[in-house]
Every structure is written in C-alpha cells, then in structure tokens.
C-alpha cells in the first residue's frame, strides 16, 4: 500500500498538469462547441456542428488532410520497411547511411521551403528550364502540383527516421532464425513473410502512430509554401483552424476540435477492435 501511495505522489505533478492544461481546457472547448455568445453563453445544442459540416472549407480541409495521410503514411512506411531490410544486408557504410537519414529532420523548415521555391516557384529553376525549351512555365506552388510537392517533402523528411527505427528492430532478430529457415529451403521472401514481418509488426504500429502525428504537423510546410490561403489542394485542417482563430470564431473552432478528436477516437477504436480480432483468431487457430 505504501509503494502504491508513493507512486501516486510521484505521478501527481504530471496528472495535475494534465488536468489543468489539457482536460479542463477540453471541457471548456466542449461547452463552447454547444453554446453561442460572448461572455454569457447560451446553449444551442448541435447547431454549431450542423453549420460546421455544412461549411465547404471545413469539408475541403478534411478531404485534403485525409488524402494527404492516405498518400504519405503508407508510402513512407512501406518504403522505410524495404530500405531497412536492404540496409540490414549492407556490409559497408552503414554508419554513414544511418547518420545521413537524420539530416532531413535536423534541417530548418524555412531553408527546405526556400529550396523548394528556388526550384518550383513562379520564377524558379524549373520554369526557367521550361522557358529555354520553348514551353510555358507555371506557378507550381499555387496549382494542384503543390499537394504532391508537400507529399514529397514529408517522404524525404521522415523516411530516414522510420528506417532507423526498423533497422534497430531488425538488429534484435536473432540470426539463427534465418539460418534455421535456410536449412529447410526457405527463400528470401519466405524469410521476410514468416520471420521478419511478424517480428516487425510492433515497430510498424508504433511508427504508424508517429507518422499520423507528423502528418498533422505538416502545417508549417504548407503555410510557408502557400500562406494562409494556399491552393485548394493543400488547404488542410490546420489552415481552417488558424483562419477561424484569427476571426475569433470560437464556436466553430471548438466544434471542429471536438469533431476531429471524435473521429480519431473512432478510428483508433476500430483499429484496436481489428487487432484484437486478428489476435484472437491466431490464438484459436
């Protein structure tokens, strides 16, 4: 009993900080999402949510954010798994490669965006080359191409970090597993399918959470590329929230925040249910 009380006392500063700085503001946000007014607020039920889901800019932001995640997260994680498996068989230069994977995360966002503008801007290198060949250039950062530029930035910036995580996990797999499988005639694909991939799944789930979090943090790149009102293809949820904060539209921001949290909880619950179902089927054959 004394050990339990000591543990609670040690955790109490973190719990108190969570209650004061996260949970209490979230309760206030929930109240703002179902009320209207300045100072003395009036309960209006789900009116704010109805107006939110009828707002074209919010629907566009949700669409673009989901599309961005569906493109960047699977491609980046899949490529990271492949590169980590290849890196495991590299005999020389492994230290240099591991260090080079972290360089994109160290570089400042502003310098990266400046490089993108140098190549893809209205008077950038790419348009100058097109002009020399007799073709007409375009402002790539204010067209639908901006979406793919943003995806490439995410891929280039985070793939090395995920490769290092997978590589560290692969180094923990005993080599005897592969030797034993080779004795029974298993090929490279069979080794990956029945040895590497099952043991790599926990790391993949961990990086999946990280990649979704990092995808929500892409606003800096999108803002520096297109400003507060970029091309429709890269108008994300962060743009919607930021623009409404500037307009002091607290009820719409609160309704959007609660809706986003609800969607994330539903997706997490569905993913956990699928995970438990698969685990149960494997346990009972």
Protein backbone atom coordinates (compact mmCIF):
# COMPACT_ATOMS: atom_id res chain seq x y z
CA UNK A 1 0.00 0.00 0.00
CA UNK A 2 2.84 2.38 0.83
CA UNK A 3 4.51 1.72 -2.55
CA UNK A 4 1.24 2.46 -4.34
CA UNK A 5 0.82 5.74 -2.46
CA UNK A 6 4.40 6.72 -3.27
CA UNK A 7 3.78 6.00 -6.94
CA UNK A 8 0.69 8.16 -6.93
CA UNK A 9 2.59 11.02 -5.27
CA UNK A 10 5.34 10.80 -7.88
CA UNK A 11 2.80 10.84 -10.70
CA UNK A 12 0.65 13.60 -9.18
CA UNK A 13 2.55 16.55 -10.78
CA UNK A 14 2.07 15.06 -14.24
CA UNK A 15 -1.57 14.21 -13.52
CA UNK A 16 -2.22 17.70 -12.15
CA UNK A 17 -0.60 19.26 -15.20
CA UNK A 18 -2.72 17.10 -17.48
CA UNK A 19 -5.93 18.07 -15.67
CA UNK A 20 -5.12 21.79 -15.62
CA UNK A 21 -3.60 22.27 -19.07
CA UNK A 22 -5.38 19.58 -21.14
CA UNK A 23 -8.53 18.13 -19.60
CA UNK A 24 -10.02 21.36 -18.20
CA UNK A 25 -9.47 23.30 -21.49
CA UNK A 26 -11.02 20.38 -23.36
CA UNK A 27 -14.15 20.57 -21.20
CA UNK A 28 -14.32 24.30 -21.92
CA UNK A 29 -13.96 23.53 -25.63
CA UNK A 30 -16.84 21.05 -25.42
CA UNK A 31 -19.03 23.73 -23.81
CA UNK A 32 -18.06 26.29 -26.46
CA UNK A 33 -18.97 23.79 -29.19
CA UNK A 34 -22.60 23.57 -27.99
CA UNK A 35 -23.07 27.22 -27.00
CA UNK A 36 -23.09 30.65 -28.57
CA UNK A 37 -22.43 34.18 -27.36
CA UNK A 38 -19.77 36.40 -25.80
CA UNK A 39 -19.46 36.45 -22.03
CA UNK A 40 -22.77 34.85 -21.06
CA UNK A 41 -23.10 31.95 -23.45
CA UNK A 42 -26.37 30.32 -24.48
CA UNK A 43 -26.79 26.58 -25.04
CA UNK A 44 -27.62 25.91 -28.71
CA UNK A 45 -27.20 22.13 -28.90
CA UNK A 46 -25.76 20.76 -32.15
CA UNK A 47 -26.31 23.90 -34.22
CA UNK A 48 -22.57 24.66 -34.35
CA UNK A 49 -21.85 21.13 -35.55
CA UNK A 50 -24.54 21.38 -38.22
CA UNK A 51 -23.08 24.65 -39.51
CA UNK A 52 -19.59 23.18 -39.37
CA UNK A 53 -20.44 20.16 -41.54
CA UNK A 54 -22.22 22.44 -44.00
CA UNK A 55 -19.11 24.62 -44.30
CA UNK A 56 -17.38 23.97 -47.64
CA UNK A 57 -13.94 24.99 -46.40
CA UNK A 58 -14.10 22.58 -43.46
CA UNK A 59 -15.13 19.72 -45.76
CA UNK A 60 -12.31 20.65 -48.15
CA UNK A 61 -9.82 20.70 -45.26
CA UNK A 62 -10.97 17.28 -44.01
CA UNK A 63 -10.80 15.85 -47.54
CA UNK A 64 -7.29 17.16 -48.17
CA UNK A 65 -5.98 16.09 -44.76
CA UNK A 66 -7.33 12.54 -45.18
CA UNK A 67 -5.99 12.37 -48.72
CA UNK A 68 -2.60 13.60 -47.55
CA UNK A 69 -2.42 10.92 -44.87
CA UNK A 70 -3.61 8.15 -47.18
CA UNK A 71 -0.83 9.01 -49.63
CA UNK A 72 2.10 9.82 -47.35
CA UNK A 73 1.72 7.39 -44.45
CA UNK A 74 1.50 4.04 -46.34
CA UNK A 75 4.10 5.01 -48.95
CA UNK A 76 6.60 6.31 -46.38
CA UNK A 77 6.24 3.36 -44.02
CA UNK A 78 6.33 0.81 -46.84
CA UNK A 79 9.47 2.34 -48.34
CA UNK A 80 11.06 2.55 -44.88
CA UNK A 81 10.47 -1.18 -44.30
CA UNK A 82 12.04 -2.02 -47.65
CA UNK A 83 15.06 0.21 -47.10
CA UNK A 84 15.64 -1.13 -43.60
CA UNK A 85 15.65 -4.71 -44.91
CA UNK A 86 18.13 -3.75 -47.63
CA UNK A 87 20.27 -1.83 -45.15
CA UNK A 88 20.46 -4.92 -42.96
CA UNK A 89 22.39 -6.71 -45.72
CA UNK A 90 24.76 -3.80 -46.42
CA UNK A 91 28.25 -4.58 -45.20
CA UNK A 92 29.99 -1.22 -45.62
CA UNK A 93 28.98 2.38 -44.99
CA UNK A 94 26.16 1.52 -42.59
CA UNK A 95 27.21 4.17 -40.05
CA UNK A 96 27.31 6.89 -42.70
CA UNK A 97 23.91 5.86 -44.07
CA UNK A 98 22.31 5.86 -40.61
CA UNK A 99 23.62 9.35 -39.89
CA UNK A 100 22.55 10.67 -43.30
CA UNK A 101 18.97 9.51 -42.66
CA UNK A 102 18.68 12.03 -39.81
CA UNK A 103 19.91 15.06 -41.77
CA UNK A 104 16.46 15.99 -43.22
CA UNK A 105 15.00 16.20 -39.70
CA UNK A 106 17.81 18.47 -38.50
CA UNK A 107 17.47 20.99 -41.33
CA UNK A 108 15.23 24.04 -40.62
CA UNK A 109 11.84 24.01 -42.34
CA UNK A 110 12.34 27.53 -43.71
CA UNK A 111 15.53 26.56 -45.56
CA UNK A 112 13.84 23.49 -47.04
CA UNK A 113 10.92 25.58 -48.29
CA UNK A 114 13.31 28.15 -49.75
CA UNK A 115 14.97 25.36 -51.72
CA UNK A 116 11.56 24.20 -52.98
CA UNK A 117 10.66 27.75 -54.01
CA UNK A 118 14.00 28.07 -55.79
CA UNK A 119 13.18 25.06 -57.95
CA UNK A 120 9.36 25.19 -58.21
CA UNK A 121 8.48 28.87 -57.75
CA UNK A 122 6.98 31.11 -60.40
CA UNK A 123 10.46 32.31 -61.43
CA UNK A 124 12.24 29.19 -60.24
CA UNK A 125 14.77 26.91 -61.87
CA UNK A 126 12.18 24.52 -63.33
CA UNK A 127 10.23 27.27 -65.09
CA UNK A 128 13.43 28.77 -66.47
CA UNK A 129 14.37 25.43 -67.98
CA UNK A 130 10.90 25.11 -69.50
CA UNK A 131 11.18 28.62 -70.93
CA UNK A 132 14.51 27.79 -72.57
CA UNK A 133 12.92 24.78 -74.28
CA UNK A 134 10.04 26.89 -75.58
CA UNK A 135 7.45 25.64 -73.09
CA UNK A 136 5.33 27.84 -70.85
CA UNK A 137 6.06 27.71 -67.12
CA UNK A 138 3.54 27.78 -64.30
CA UNK A 139 3.47 28.64 -60.63
CA UNK A 140 3.69 25.07 -59.35
CA UNK A 141 3.18 26.09 -55.72
CA UNK A 142 -0.28 27.51 -56.49
CA UNK A 143 -1.61 24.61 -58.54
CA UNK A 144 -2.63 21.05 -57.72
CA UNK A 145 1.05 20.13 -58.01
CA UNK A 146 1.54 21.74 -54.58
CA UNK A 147 -0.12 18.69 -52.99
CA UNK A 148 2.48 16.32 -54.44
CA UNK A 149 5.30 18.69 -53.50
CA UNK A 150 4.04 18.61 -49.92
CA UNK A 151 3.88 14.79 -50.02
CA UNK A 152 7.44 14.58 -51.33
CA UNK A 153 8.63 16.86 -48.52
CA UNK A 154 7.02 14.58 -45.92
CA UNK A 155 8.51 11.47 -47.54
CA UNK A 156 12.00 12.98 -47.75
CA UNK A 157 11.91 14.36 -44.22
CA UNK A 158 10.64 11.37 -42.23
CA UNK A 159 11.55 8.20 -44.11
CA UNK A 160 15.07 8.13 -42.66
CA UNK A 161 13.76 8.32 -39.10
CA UNK A 162 11.45 5.36 -39.66
CA UNK A 163 14.24 3.42 -41.37
CA UNK A 164 16.40 3.77 -38.26
CA UNK A 165 13.58 2.51 -36.04
CA UNK A 166 13.01 -0.54 -38.25
CA UNK A 167 16.73 -1.16 -38.62
CA UNK A 168 17.17 -1.20 -34.83
CA UNK A 169 14.30 -3.69 -34.55
CA UNK A 170 15.78 -5.90 -37.27
CA UNK A 171 19.12 -5.97 -35.46
CA UNK A 172 17.32 -7.54 -32.49
CA UNK A 173 16.13 -10.55 -34.53
CA UNK A 174 18.49 -13.49 -33.90
CA UNK A 175 20.35 -14.65 -37.00
CA UNK A 176 19.67 -18.27 -36.02
CA UNK A 177 16.07 -17.85 -37.15
CA UNK A 178 17.16 -17.19 -40.72
CA UNK A 179 19.80 -19.95 -40.66
CA UNK A 180 17.25 -22.45 -39.42
CA UNK A 181 14.79 -21.38 -42.14
CA UNK A 182 17.51 -21.67 -44.82
CA UNK A 183 18.18 -25.26 -43.80
CA UNK A 184 14.58 -26.09 -44.72
CA UNK A 185 14.86 -24.35 -48.09
CA UNK A 186 13.15 -21.05 -47.27
CA UNK A 187 13.81 -18.26 -49.75
CA UNK A 188 14.23 -14.54 -49.06
CA UNK A 189 10.54 -13.81 -49.48
CA UNK A 190 9.54 -16.65 -47.15
CA UNK A 191 12.05 -15.44 -44.54
CA UNK A 192 10.59 -11.95 -44.73
CA UNK A 193 6.98 -13.16 -44.61
CA UNK A 194 7.28 -15.64 -41.75
CA UNK A 195 10.17 -14.22 -39.69
CA UNK A 196 10.92 -10.57 -40.40
CA UNK A 197 7.43 -9.18 -40.87
CA UNK A 198 5.74 -10.77 -37.80
CA UNK A 199 8.56 -9.58 -35.54
CA UNK A 200 8.50 -6.13 -37.17
CA UNK A 201 4.75 -5.53 -36.65
CA UNK A 202 5.08 -3.86 -33.18
CA UNK A 203 7.56 -1.34 -34.61
CA UNK A 204 5.26 -0.73 -37.60
CA UNK A 205 2.33 0.01 -35.30
CA UNK A 206 4.50 2.40 -33.29
CA UNK A 207 5.68 4.25 -36.40
CA UNK A 208 2.11 4.32 -37.71
CA UNK A 209 1.09 6.43 -34.73
CA UNK A 210 4.17 8.62 -35.17
CA UNK A 211 3.53 9.10 -38.87
CA UNK A 212 -0.08 10.18 -38.30
CA UNK A 213 1.09 12.67 -35.67
CA UNK A 214 3.76 14.00 -38.01
CA UNK A 215 1.21 14.30 -40.82
CA UNK A 216 -0.90 16.59 -38.60
CA UNK A 217 2.21 18.73 -38.07
CA UNK A 218 2.71 19.46 -41.77
CA UNK A 219 1.06 22.88 -41.44
CA UNK A 220 4.41 24.69 -41.27
CA UNK A 221 5.44 23.43 -44.70
CA UNK A 222 2.00 24.08 -46.19
CA UNK A 223 1.88 27.59 -44.70
CA UNK A 224 5.35 28.52 -45.93
CA UNK A 225 4.53 27.19 -49.39
CA UNK A 226 1.11 28.82 -49.83
CA UNK A 227 0.36 31.15 -46.93
CA UNK A 228 -2.96 31.39 -45.05
CA UNK A 229 -4.99 30.76 -48.20
CA UNK A 230 -3.00 28.32 -50.35
CA UNK A 231 -4.14 26.33 -53.36
CA UNK A 232 -7.23 24.24 -52.65
CA UNK A 233 -5.18 21.04 -52.90
CA UNK A 234 -3.17 21.85 -49.74
CA UNK A 235 -5.84 23.64 -47.70
CA UNK A 236 -5.64 21.49 -44.55
CA UNK A 237 -7.40 21.34 -41.20
CA UNK A 238 -4.66 23.48 -39.68
CA UNK A 239 -5.44 26.24 -42.19
CA UNK A 240 -9.12 26.08 -41.27
CA UNK A 241 -8.40 26.25 -37.55
CA UNK A 242 -5.84 29.05 -37.89
CA UNK A 243 -8.06 31.21 -40.10
CA UNK A 244 -11.02 30.87 -37.72
CA UNK A 245 -8.84 31.71 -34.73
CA UNK A 246 -7.88 34.93 -36.48
CA UNK A 247 -11.60 35.64 -36.99
CA UNK A 248 -12.34 34.84 -33.30
CA UNK A 249 -14.91 32.22 -34.35
CA UNK A 250 -14.53 30.15 -31.18
CA UNK A 251 -17.69 28.08 -31.54
CA UNK A 252 -16.68 26.84 -34.99
CA UNK A 253 -13.12 26.10 -33.81
CA UNK A 254 -14.43 24.23 -30.76
CA UNK A 255 -16.88 22.17 -32.82
CA UNK A 256 -14.09 21.31 -35.27
CA UNK A 257 -11.70 20.32 -32.46
CA UNK A 258 -14.26 18.04 -30.78
CA UNK A 259 -15.22 16.51 -34.14
CA UNK A 260 -11.58 15.78 -35.04
CA UNK A 261 -10.98 14.16 -31.64
CA UNK A 262 -14.14 12.07 -32.02
CA UNK A 263 -13.02 10.88 -35.47
CA UNK A 264 -9.56 9.96 -34.18
CA UNK A 265 -11.08 8.02 -31.27
CA UNK A 266 -13.42 6.14 -33.62
CA UNK A 267 -10.56 5.22 -35.96
CA UNK A 268 -8.40 4.13 -33.01
CA UNK A 269 -11.22 2.04 -31.55
CA UNK A 270 -11.86 0.39 -34.92
CA UNK A 271 -8.15 -0.35 -35.34
CA UNK A 272 -7.91 -1.82 -31.85
CA UNK A 273 -11.01 -3.97 -32.46
CA UNK A 274 -9.49 -5.34 -35.67
CA UNK A 275 -6.21 -6.00 -33.86
CA UNK A 276 -7.97 -7.93 -31.09
CA UNK A 277 -10.00 -9.90 -33.62
CA UNK A 278 -6.90 -10.92 -35.59
CA UNK A 279 -5.05 -11.80 -32.39
CA UNK A 280 -7.95 -13.95 -31.17
CA UNK A 281 -8.17 -15.81 -34.48
CA UNK A 282 -4.46 -16.56 -34.38
CA UNK A 283 -4.69 -17.76 -30.79
CA UNK A 284 -7.54 -20.17 -31.56
CA UNK A 285 -6.25 -21.17 -34.99
